[in-house]
PDB file of all heavy atoms in Angstrom:
ATOM      1  N   MET A   1       0.892  -1.192   0.007  1.00  0.00           N
ATOM      2  CA  MET A   1       0.001  -0.009  -0.001  1.00  0.00           C
ATOM      3  C   MET A   1       0.919   1.213  -0.032  1.00  0.00           C
ATOM      4  O   MET A   1       1.916   1.260   0.697  1.00  0.00           O
ATOM      5  CB  MET A   1      -0.875   0.000   1.297  1.00  0.00           C
ATOM      6  CG  MET A   1      -1.764  -1.166   1.435  1.00  0.00           C
ATOM      7  SD  MET A   1      -3.194  -1.243   0.349  1.00  0.00           S
ATOM      8  CE  MET A   1      -4.216   0.123   1.011  1.00  0.00           C
ATOM      9  N   GLY A   2       0.503   2.268  -0.728  1.00  0.00           N
ATOM     10  CA  GLY A   2       1.141   3.490  -0.674  1.00  0.00           C
ATOM     11  C   GLY A   2       0.697   4.340   0.475  1.00  0.00           C
ATOM     12  O   GLY A   2      -0.517   4.613   0.497  1.00  0.00           O
ATOM     13  N   THR A   3       1.557   4.745   1.337  1.00  0.00           N
ATOM     14  CA  THR A   3       1.064   5.548   2.498  1.00  0.00           C
ATOM     15  C   THR A   3       0.786   6.952   1.886  1.00  0.00           C
ATOM     16  O   THR A   3       1.685   7.593   1.357  1.00  0.00           O
ATOM     17  CB  THR A   3       2.176   5.718   3.606  1.00  0.00           C
ATOM     18  OG1 THR A   3       2.512   4.347   4.034  1.00  0.00           O
ATOM     19  CG2 THR A   3       1.688   6.600   4.639  1.00  0.00           C
ATOM     20  N   GLN A   4      -0.374   7.410   2.034  1.00  0.00           N
ATOM     21  CA  GLN A   4      -0.756   8.708   1.477  1.00  0.00           C
ATOM     22  C   GLN A   4      -0.381   9.849   2.486  1.00  0.00           C
ATOM     23  O   GLN A   4      -0.065  10.871   2.031  1.00  0.00           O
ATOM     24  CB  GLN A   4      -2.255   8.704   1.284  1.00  0.00           C
ATOM     25  CG  GLN A   4      -2.749   7.867   0.109  1.00  0.00           C
ATOM     26  CD  GLN A   4      -1.985   8.018  -1.213  1.00  0.00           C
ATOM     27  OE1 GLN A   4      -1.310   7.118  -1.641  1.00  0.00           O
ATOM     28  NE2 GLN A   4      -2.024   9.168  -1.770  1.00  0.00           N
ATOM     29  N   ASP A   5      -0.580   9.582   3.820  1.00  0.00           N
ATOM     30  CA  ASP A   5      -0.283  10.567   4.725  1.00  0.00           C
ATOM     31  C   ASP A   5      -0.289   9.971   6.137  1.00  0.00           C
ATOM     32  O   ASP A   5      -0.843   8.889   6.348  1.00  0.00           O
ATOM     33  CB  ASP A   5      -1.421  11.629   4.613  1.00  0.00           C
ATOM     34  CG  ASP A   5      -1.184  12.903   5.532  1.00  0.00           C
ATOM     35  OD1 ASP A   5       0.019  13.185   5.791  1.00  0.00           O
ATOM     36  OD2 ASP A   5      -2.164  13.520   5.934  1.00  0.00           O
ATOM     37  N   PHE A   6       0.316  10.663   7.075  1.00  0.00           N
ATOM     38  CA  PHE A   6       0.051  10.311   8.425  1.00  0.00           C
ATOM     39  C   PHE A   6       0.225  11.579   9.217  1.00  0.00           C
ATOM     40  O   PHE A   6       1.119  12.471   8.987  1.00  0.00           O
ATOM     41  CB  PHE A   6       1.063   9.247   8.882  1.00  0.00           C
ATOM     42  CG  PHE A   6       2.469   9.461   8.908  1.00  0.00           C
ATOM     43  CD1 PHE A   6       3.117  10.036  10.031  1.00  0.00           C
ATOM     44  CD2 PHE A   6       3.264   9.030   7.833  1.00  0.00           C
ATOM     45  CE1 PHE A   6       4.557  10.265   9.993  1.00  0.00           C
ATOM     46  CE2 PHE A   6       4.650   9.258   7.782  1.00  0.00           C
ATOM     47  CZ  PHE A   6       5.175   9.804   8.866  1.00  0.00           C
ATOM     48  N   ASP A   7      -0.750  11.823  10.063  1.00  0.00           N
ATOM     49  CA  ASP A   7      -0.761  13.029  10.929  1.00  0.00           C
ATOM     50  C   ASP A   7       0.397  12.995  11.898  1.00  0.00           C
ATOM     51  O   ASP A   7       0.969  13.965  12.289  1.00  0.00           O
ATOM     52  CB  ASP A   7      -2.030  13.147  11.666  1.00  0.00           C
ATOM     53  CG  ASP A   7      -3.304  13.197  10.743  1.00  0.00           C
ATOM     54  OD1 ASP A   7      -3.093  13.758   9.614  1.00  0.00           O
ATOM     55  OD2 ASP A   7      -4.367  12.603  11.021  1.00  0.00           O
ATOM     56  N   GLU A   8       0.663  11.798  12.437  1.00  0.00           N
ATOM     57  CA  GLU A   8       1.705  11.400  13.276  1.00  0.00           C
ATOM     58  C   GLU A   8       1.842   9.969  13.091  1.00  0.00           C
ATOM     59  O   GLU A   8       0.981   9.306  12.406  1.00  0.00           O
ATOM     60  CB  GLU A   8       1.299  11.790  14.739  1.00  0.00           C
ATOM     61  CG  GLU A   8       0.065  11.102  15.177  1.00  0.00           C
ATOM     62  CD  GLU A   8      -0.379  11.533  16.538  1.00  0.00           C
ATOM     63  OE1 GLU A   8      -1.068  12.503  16.693  1.00  0.00           O
ATOM     64  OE2 GLU A   8      -0.086  10.711  17.462  1.00  0.00           O
ATOM     65  N   PRO A   9       2.858   9.253  13.583  1.00  0.00           N
ATOM     66  CA  PRO A   9       2.972   7.820  13.377  1.00  0.00           C
ATOM     67  C   PRO A   9       1.700   7.050  13.873  1.00  0.00           C
ATOM     68  O   PRO A   9       1.447   5.974  13.341  1.00  0.00           O
ATOM     69  CB  PRO A   9       4.185   7.422  14.092  1.00  0.00           C
ATOM     70  CG  PRO A   9       5.007   8.589  14.081  1.00  0.00           C
ATOM     71  CD  PRO A   9       4.033   9.801  14.198  1.00  0.00           C
ATOM     72  N   GLY A  10       0.992   7.577  14.785  1.00  0.00           N
ATOM     73  CA  GLY A  10      -0.212   6.921  15.324  1.00  0.00           C
ATOM     74  C   GLY A  10      -1.380   6.930  14.413  1.00  0.00           C
ATOM     75  O   GLY A  10      -2.353   6.177  14.641  1.00  0.00           O
ATOM     76  N   THR A  11      -1.421   7.776  13.410  1.00  0.00           N
ATOM     77  CA  THR A  11      -2.607   7.857  12.479  1.00  0.00           C
ATOM     78  C   THR A  11      -2.090   7.889  11.071  1.00  0.00           C
ATOM     79  O   THR A  11      -1.486   8.823  10.673  1.00  0.00           O
ATOM     80  CB  THR A  11      -3.450   9.080  12.756  1.00  0.00           C
ATOM     81  OG1 THR A  11      -3.884   9.061  14.102  1.00  0.00           O
ATOM     82  CG2 THR A  11      -4.734   9.088  11.921  1.00  0.00           C
ATOM     83  N   THR A  12      -2.339   6.719  10.360  1.00  0.00           N
ATOM     84  CA  THR A  12      -1.869   6.626   8.993  1.00  0.00           C
ATOM     85  C   THR A  12      -3.016   6.419   8.028  1.00  0.00           C
ATOM     86  O   THR A  12      -4.049   5.838   8.396  1.00  0.00           O
ATOM     87  CB  THR A  12      -1.020   5.397   8.890  1.00  0.00           C
ATOM     88  OG1 THR A  12       0.036   5.493   9.971  1.00  0.00           O
ATOM     89  CG2 THR A  12      -0.304   5.168   7.538  1.00  0.00           C
ATOM     90  N   TRP A  13      -2.913   6.916   6.810  1.00  0.00           N
ATOM     91  CA  TRP A  13      -3.988   6.892   5.780  1.00  0.00           C
ATOM     92  C   TRP A  13      -3.587   6.204   4.601  1.00  0.00           C
ATOM     93  O   TRP A  13      -2.474   6.418   4.062  1.00  0.00           O
ATOM     94  CB  TRP A  13      -4.437   8.318   5.415  1.00  0.00           C
ATOM     95  CG  TRP A  13      -4.969   9.134   6.542  1.00  0.00           C
ATOM     96  CD1 TRP A  13      -4.292   9.926   7.470  1.00  0.00           C
ATOM     97  CD2 TRP A  13      -6.259   9.233   6.995  1.00  0.00           C
ATOM     98  NE1 TRP A  13      -5.127  10.512   8.251  1.00  0.00           N
ATOM     99  CE2 TRP A  13      -6.383  10.115   8.086  1.00  0.00           C
ATOM    100  CE3 TRP A  13      -7.463   8.657   6.474  1.00  0.00           C
ATOM    101  CZ2 TRP A  13      -7.618  10.429   8.653  1.00  0.00           C
ATOM    102  CZ3 TRP A  13      -8.691   8.959   7.134  1.00  0.00           C
ATOM    103  CH2 TRP A  13      -8.729   9.849   8.280  1.00  0.00           C
ATOM    104  N   PHE A  14      -4.502   5.335   4.084  1.00  0.00           N
ATOM    105  CA  PHE A  14      -4.293   4.703   2.803  1.00  0.00           C
ATOM    106  C   PHE A  14      -5.542   4.875   1.890  1.00  0.00           C
ATOM    107  O   PHE A  14      -6.716   5.030   2.521  1.00  0.00           O
ATOM    108  CB  PHE A  14      -4.064   3.223   2.988  1.00  0.00           C
ATOM    109  CG  PHE A  14      -2.816   2.809   3.714  1.00  0.00           C
ATOM    110  CD1 PHE A  14      -2.860   2.439   5.025  1.00  0.00           C
ATOM    111  CD2 PHE A  14      -1.573   2.886   3.090  1.00  0.00           C
ATOM    112  CE1 PHE A  14      -1.704   2.122   5.708  1.00  0.00           C
ATOM    113  CE2 PHE A  14      -0.454   2.547   3.648  1.00  0.00           C
ATOM    114  CZ  PHE A  14      -0.435   2.192   5.085  1.00  0.00           C
ATOM    115  N   LEU A  15      -5.426   4.837   0.646  1.00  0.00           N
ATOM    116  CA  LEU A  15      -6.652   4.858  -0.296  1.00  0.00           C
ATOM    117  C   LEU A  15      -6.858   3.397  -0.715  1.00  0.00           C
ATOM    118  O   LEU A  15      -5.881   2.660  -1.040  1.00  0.00           O
ATOM    119  CB  LEU A  15      -6.343   5.727  -1.454  1.00  0.00           C
ATOM    120  CG  LEU A  15      -5.957   7.153  -1.179  1.00  0.00           C
ATOM    121  CD1 LEU A  15      -5.653   7.885  -2.523  1.00  0.00           C
ATOM    122  CD2 LEU A  15      -7.049   7.918  -0.426  1.00  0.00           C
ATOM    123  N   THR A  16      -8.133   3.015  -0.823  1.00  0.00           N
ATOM    124  CA  THR A  16      -8.461   1.689  -1.326  1.00  0.00           C
ATOM    125  C   THR A  16      -9.767   1.687  -1.972  1.00  0.00           C
ATOM    126  O   THR A  16     -10.532   2.739  -1.846  1.00  0.00           O
ATOM    127  CB  THR A  16      -8.262   0.624  -0.263  1.00  0.00           C
ATOM    128  OG1 THR A  16      -8.289  -0.667  -0.884  1.00  0.00           O
ATOM    129  CG2 THR A  16      -9.332   0.750   0.794  1.00  0.00           C
ATOM    130  N   GLU A  17     -10.324   0.553  -2.435  1.00  0.00           N
ATOM    131  CA  GLU A  17     -11.750   0.454  -2.935  1.00  0.00           C
ATOM    132  C   GLU A  17     -12.536  -0.305  -1.856  1.00  0.00           C
ATOM    133  O   GLU A  17     -12.182  -1.286  -1.415  1.00  0.00           O
ATOM    134  CB  GLU A  17     -11.736  -0.367  -4.218  1.00  0.00           C
ATOM    135  CG  GLU A  17     -11.071   0.366  -5.445  1.00  0.00           C
ATOM    136  CD  GLU A  17      -9.638  -0.006  -5.605  1.00  0.00           C
ATOM    137  OE1 GLU A  17      -9.130  -0.909  -4.770  1.00  0.00           O
ATOM    138  OE2 GLU A  17      -9.036   0.356  -6.601  1.00  0.00           O
ATOM    139  N   ARG A  18     -13.823   0.260  -1.696  1.00  0.00           N
ATOM    140  CA  ARG A  18     -14.660  -0.292  -0.772  1.00  0.00           C
ATOM    141  C   ARG A  18     -15.049  -1.755  -1.119  1.00  0.00           C
ATOM    142  O   ARG A  18     -15.260  -2.627  -0.340  1.00  0.00           O
ATOM    143  CB  ARG A  18     -15.951   0.545  -0.627  1.00  0.00           C
ATOM    144  CG  ARG A  18     -17.040  -0.245   0.097  1.00  0.00           C
ATOM    145  CD  ARG A  18     -18.259   0.654   0.486  1.00  0.00           C
ATOM    146  NE  ARG A  18     -17.932   1.559   1.556  1.00  0.00           N
ATOM    147  CZ  ARG A  18     -17.763   1.238   2.871  1.00  0.00           C
ATOM    148  NH1 ARG A  18     -17.642  -0.079   3.124  1.00  0.00           N
ATOM    149  NH2 ARG A  18     -17.532   2.075   3.765  1.00  0.00           N
ATOM    150  N   SER A  19     -15.058  -2.014  -2.518  1.00  0.00           N
ATOM    151  CA  SER A  19     -15.475  -3.324  -2.921  1.00  0.00           C
ATOM    152  C   SER A  19     -14.339  -4.367  -2.788  1.00  0.00           C
ATOM    153  O   SER A  19     -14.529  -5.592  -3.153  1.00  0.00           O
ATOM    154  CB  SER A  19     -15.819  -3.225  -4.411  1.00  0.00           C
ATOM    155  OG  SER A  19     -14.805  -2.738  -5.200  1.00  0.00           O
ATOM    156  N   SER A  20     -13.161  -3.986  -2.277  1.00  0.00           N
ATOM    157  CA  SER A  20     -12.049  -4.989  -2.162  1.00  0.00           C
ATOM    158  C   SER A  20     -12.269  -5.966  -1.054  1.00  0.00           C
ATOM    159  O   SER A  20     -13.002  -5.707  -0.035  1.00  0.00           O
ATOM    160  CB  SER A  20     -10.731  -4.215  -1.935  1.00  0.00           C
ATOM    161  OG  SER A  20     -10.739  -3.571  -0.701  1.00  0.00           O
ATOM    162  N   ASP A  21     -11.639  -7.104  -1.195  1.00  0.00           N
ATOM    163  CA  ASP A  21     -11.715  -8.115  -0.156  1.00  0.00           C
ATOM    164  C   ASP A  21     -11.094  -7.605   1.201  1.00  0.00           C
ATOM    165  O   ASP A  21     -11.577  -7.938   2.251  1.00  0.00           O
ATOM    166  CB  ASP A  21     -10.934  -9.402  -0.597  1.00  0.00           C
ATOM    167  CG  ASP A  21     -11.656 -10.114  -1.677  1.00  0.00           C
ATOM    168  OD1 ASP A  21     -12.825  -9.950  -1.855  1.00  0.00           O
ATOM    169  OD2 ASP A  21     -10.976 -10.976  -2.344  1.00  0.00           O
ATOM    170  N   LYS A  22     -10.044  -6.743   1.101  1.00  0.00           N
ATOM    171  CA  LYS A  22      -9.358  -6.227   2.298  1.00  0.00           C
ATOM    172  C   LYS A  22     -10.374  -5.363   3.161  1.00  0.00           C
ATOM    173  O   LYS A  22     -10.335  -5.547   4.325  1.00  0.00           O
ATOM    174  CB  LYS A  22      -8.063  -5.550   1.973  1.00  0.00           C
ATOM    175  CG  LYS A  22      -8.084  -4.179   1.528  1.00  0.00           C
ATOM    176  CD  LYS A  22      -6.699  -3.606   1.447  1.00  0.00           C
ATOM    177  CE  LYS A  22      -6.511  -2.702   0.212  1.00  0.00           C
ATOM    178  NZ  LYS A  22      -6.698  -3.316  -1.065  1.00  0.00           N
ATOM    179  N   VAL A  23     -11.210  -4.661   2.466  1.00  0.00           N
ATOM    180  CA  VAL A  23     -12.145  -3.762   3.219  1.00  0.00           C
ATOM    181  C   VAL A  23     -13.160  -4.657   3.947  1.00  0.00           C
ATOM    182  O   VAL A  23     -13.419  -4.437   5.119  1.00  0.00           O
ATOM    183  CB  VAL A  23     -12.834  -2.825   2.268  1.00  0.00           C
ATOM    184  CG1 VAL A  23     -14.073  -2.129   2.987  1.00  0.00           C
ATOM    185  CG2 VAL A  23     -11.799  -1.685   1.924  1.00  0.00           C
ATOM    186  N   ALA A  24     -13.702  -5.684   3.260  1.00  0.00           N
ATOM    187  CA  ALA A  24     -14.649  -6.571   3.961  1.00  0.00           C
ATOM    188  C   ALA A  24     -13.952  -7.306   5.108  1.00  0.00           C
ATOM    189  O   ALA A  24     -14.504  -7.446   6.268  1.00  0.00           O
ATOM    190  CB  ALA A  24     -15.117  -7.664   2.918  1.00  0.00           C
ATOM    191  N   ALA A  25     -12.777  -7.673   4.913  1.00  0.00           N
ATOM    192  CA  ALA A  25     -11.938  -8.374   6.019  1.00  0.00           C
ATOM    193  C   ALA A  25     -11.728  -7.458   7.166  1.00  0.00           C
ATOM    194  O   ALA A  25     -11.900  -7.775   8.341  1.00  0.00           O
ATOM    195  CB  ALA A  25     -10.655  -8.931   5.443  1.00  0.00           C
ATOM    196  N   ILE A  26     -11.340  -6.193   6.904  1.00  0.00           N
ATOM    197  CA  ILE A  26     -10.958  -5.248   7.949  1.00  0.00           C
ATOM    198  C   ILE A  26     -12.223  -4.859   8.692  1.00  0.00           C
ATOM    199  O   ILE A  26     -12.170  -4.619   9.868  1.00  0.00           O
ATOM    200  CB  ILE A  26     -10.199  -4.042   7.373  1.00  0.00           C
ATOM    201  CG1 ILE A  26      -8.805  -4.490   7.001  1.00  0.00           C
ATOM    202  CG2 ILE A  26     -10.141  -2.865   8.297  1.00  0.00           C
ATOM    203  CD1 ILE A  26      -7.975  -3.540   6.177  1.00  0.00           C
ATOM    204  N   GLU A  27     -13.345  -4.806   8.076  1.00  0.00           N
ATOM    205  CA  GLU A  27     -14.630  -4.393   8.685  1.00  0.00           C
ATOM    206  C   GLU A  27     -15.009  -5.534   9.622  1.00  0.00           C
ATOM    207  O   GLU A  27     -15.596  -5.273  10.682  1.00  0.00           O
ATOM    208  CB  GLU A  27     -15.668  -4.088   7.748  1.00  0.00           C
ATOM    209  CG  GLU A  27     -15.523  -2.788   7.069  1.00  0.00           C
ATOM    210  CD  GLU A  27     -16.560  -2.385   6.031  1.00  0.00           C
ATOM    211  OE1 GLU A  27     -17.098  -3.262   5.286  1.00  0.00           O
ATOM    212  OE2 GLU A  27     -16.750  -1.090   5.951  1.00  0.00           O
ATOM    213  N   ALA A  28     -14.657  -6.823   9.289  1.00  0.00           N
ATOM    214  CA  ALA A  28     -14.896  -7.959  10.154  1.00  0.00           C
ATOM    215  C   ALA A  28     -13.932  -8.053  11.320  1.00  0.00           C
ATOM    216  O   ALA A  28     -14.327  -8.390  12.468  1.00  0.00           O
ATOM    217  CB  ALA A  28     -14.966  -9.233   9.389  1.00  0.00           C
ATOM    218  N   ASP A  29     -12.662  -7.739  11.122  1.00  0.00           N
ATOM    219  CA  ASP A  29     -11.693  -7.707  12.218  1.00  0.00           C
ATOM    220  C   ASP A  29     -10.645  -6.624  11.876  1.00  0.00           C
ATOM    221  O   ASP A  29      -9.817  -6.757  10.964  1.00  0.00           O
ATOM    222  CB  ASP A  29     -10.913  -9.178  12.009  1.00  0.00           C
ATOM    223  CG  ASP A  29      -9.866  -9.272  13.098  1.00  0.00           C
ATOM    224  OD1 ASP A  29      -9.569  -8.317  13.826  1.00  0.00           O
ATOM    225  OD2 ASP A  29      -9.304 -10.388  13.258  1.00  0.00           O
ATOM    226  N   PRO A  30     -10.795  -5.530  12.613  1.00  0.00           N
ATOM    227  CA  PRO A  30     -10.009  -4.291  12.342  1.00  0.00           C
ATOM    228  C   PRO A  30      -8.504  -4.416  12.696  1.00  0.00           C
ATOM    229  O   PRO A  30      -7.832  -3.369  12.451  1.00  0.00           O
ATOM    230  CB  PRO A  30     -10.697  -3.239  13.008  1.00  0.00           C
ATOM    231  CG  PRO A  30     -11.341  -3.924  14.152  1.00  0.00           C
ATOM    232  CD  PRO A  30     -11.790  -5.279  13.629  1.00  0.00           C
ATOM    233  N   ARG A  31      -8.111  -5.443  13.323  1.00  0.00           N
ATOM    234  CA  ARG A  31      -6.683  -5.556  13.805  1.00  0.00           C
ATOM    235  C   ARG A  31      -5.793  -5.615  12.550  1.00  0.00           C
ATOM    236  O   ARG A  31      -5.989  -6.508  11.726  1.00  0.00           O
ATOM    237  CB  ARG A  31      -6.483  -6.708  14.704  1.00  0.00           C
ATOM    238  CG  ARG A  31      -7.215  -6.600  16.009  1.00  0.00           C
ATOM    239  CD  ARG A  31      -7.125  -7.867  16.831  1.00  0.00           C
ATOM    240  NE  ARG A  31      -7.649  -9.007  16.086  1.00  0.00           N
ATOM    241  CZ  ARG A  31      -7.444 -10.246  16.333  1.00  0.00           C
ATOM    242  NH1 ARG A  31      -6.585 -10.558  17.339  1.00  0.00           N
ATOM    243  NH2 ARG A  31      -7.970 -11.243  15.583  1.00  0.00           N
ATOM    244  N   VAL A  32      -4.814  -4.742  12.568  1.00  0.00           N
ATOM    245  CA  VAL A  32      -3.832  -4.720  11.327  1.00  0.00           C
ATOM    246  C   VAL A  32      -2.466  -4.481  11.874  1.00  0.00           C
ATOM    247  O   VAL A  32      -2.159  -4.126  12.985  1.00  0.00           O
ATOM    248  CB  VAL A  32      -4.203  -3.617  10.419  1.00  0.00           C
ATOM    249  CG1 VAL A  32      -5.541  -3.925   9.716  1.00  0.00           C
ATOM    250  CG2 VAL A  32      -4.167  -2.289  10.938  1.00  0.00           C
ATOM    251  N   ASN A  33      -1.495  -4.741  10.904  1.00  0.00           N
ATOM    252  CA  ASN A  33      -0.122  -4.372  11.083  1.00  0.00           C
ATOM    253  C   ASN A  33       0.388  -3.785   9.850  1.00  0.00           C
ATOM    254  O   ASN A  33      -0.108  -4.220   8.754  1.00  0.00           O
ATOM    255  CB  ASN A  33       0.726  -5.675  11.439  1.00  0.00           C
ATOM    256  CG  ASN A  33       2.198  -5.232  11.665  1.00  0.00           C
ATOM    257  OD1 ASN A  33       3.016  -5.163  10.755  1.00  0.00           O
ATOM    258  ND2 ASN A  33       2.454  -4.989  12.963  1.00  0.00           N
ATOM    259  N   VAL A  34       1.118  -2.711   9.930  1.00  0.00           N
ATOM    260  CA  VAL A  34       1.668  -2.092   8.735  1.00  0.00           C
ATOM    261  C   VAL A  34       3.210  -1.995   8.903  1.00  0.00           C
ATOM    262  O   VAL A  34       3.678  -1.525   9.942  1.00  0.00           O
ATOM    263  CB  VAL A  34       1.164  -0.682   8.496  1.00  0.00           C
ATOM    264  CG1 VAL A  34       1.647  -0.044   7.265  1.00  0.00           C
ATOM    265  CG2 VAL A  34      -0.425  -0.601   8.555  1.00  0.00           C
ATOM    266  N   SER A  35       3.945  -2.594   7.915  1.00  0.00           N
ATOM    267  CA  SER A  35       5.404  -2.503   8.005  1.00  0.00           C
ATOM    268  C   SER A  35       5.977  -1.635   6.999  1.00  0.00           C
ATOM    269  O   SER A  35       5.490  -1.437   5.914  1.00  0.00           O
ATOM    270  CB  SER A  35       5.983  -3.881   7.914  1.00  0.00           C
ATOM    271  OG  SER A  35       5.653  -4.469   6.731  1.00  0.00           O
ATOM    272  N   TYR A  36       7.015  -0.878   7.491  1.00  0.00           N
ATOM    273  CA  TYR A  36       7.793   0.171   6.664  1.00  0.00           C
ATOM    274  C   TYR A  36       9.222  -0.284   6.664  1.00  0.00           C
ATOM    275  O   TYR A  36       9.725  -0.647   7.803  1.00  0.00           O
ATOM    276  CB  TYR A  36       7.598   1.499   7.263  1.00  0.00           C
ATOM    277  CG  TYR A  36       6.265   2.008   7.340  1.00  0.00           C
ATOM    278  CD1 TYR A  36       5.370   1.607   8.374  1.00  0.00           C
ATOM    279  CD2 TYR A  36       5.721   2.884   6.353  1.00  0.00           C
ATOM    280  CE1 TYR A  36       4.007   2.104   8.361  1.00  0.00           C
ATOM    281  CE2 TYR A  36       4.465   3.331   6.368  1.00  0.00           C
ATOM    282  CZ  TYR A  36       3.561   2.978   7.392  1.00  0.00           C
ATOM    283  OH  TYR A  36       2.327   3.353   7.373  1.00  0.00           O
ATOM    284  N   SER A  37       9.871  -0.134   5.482  1.00  0.00           N
ATOM    285  CA  SER A  37      11.269  -0.422   5.468  1.00  0.00           C
ATOM    286  C   SER A  37      11.907   0.549   4.442  1.00  0.00           C
ATOM    287  O   SER A  37      11.453   0.694   3.365  1.00  0.00           O
ATOM    288  CB  SER A  37      11.562  -1.838   5.008  1.00  0.00           C
ATOM    289  OG  SER A  37      12.874  -2.111   4.860  1.00  0.00           O
TER     290      SER A  37
END
């Protein structure tokens, strides 16, 4: 995912499509991990 913005490291924003499998999965279980290198 391309990080679009973060207000601070604690709030990060990404763009995606509502119809994607990831949105359905995240709405069911919102726990995520995002890695940066």
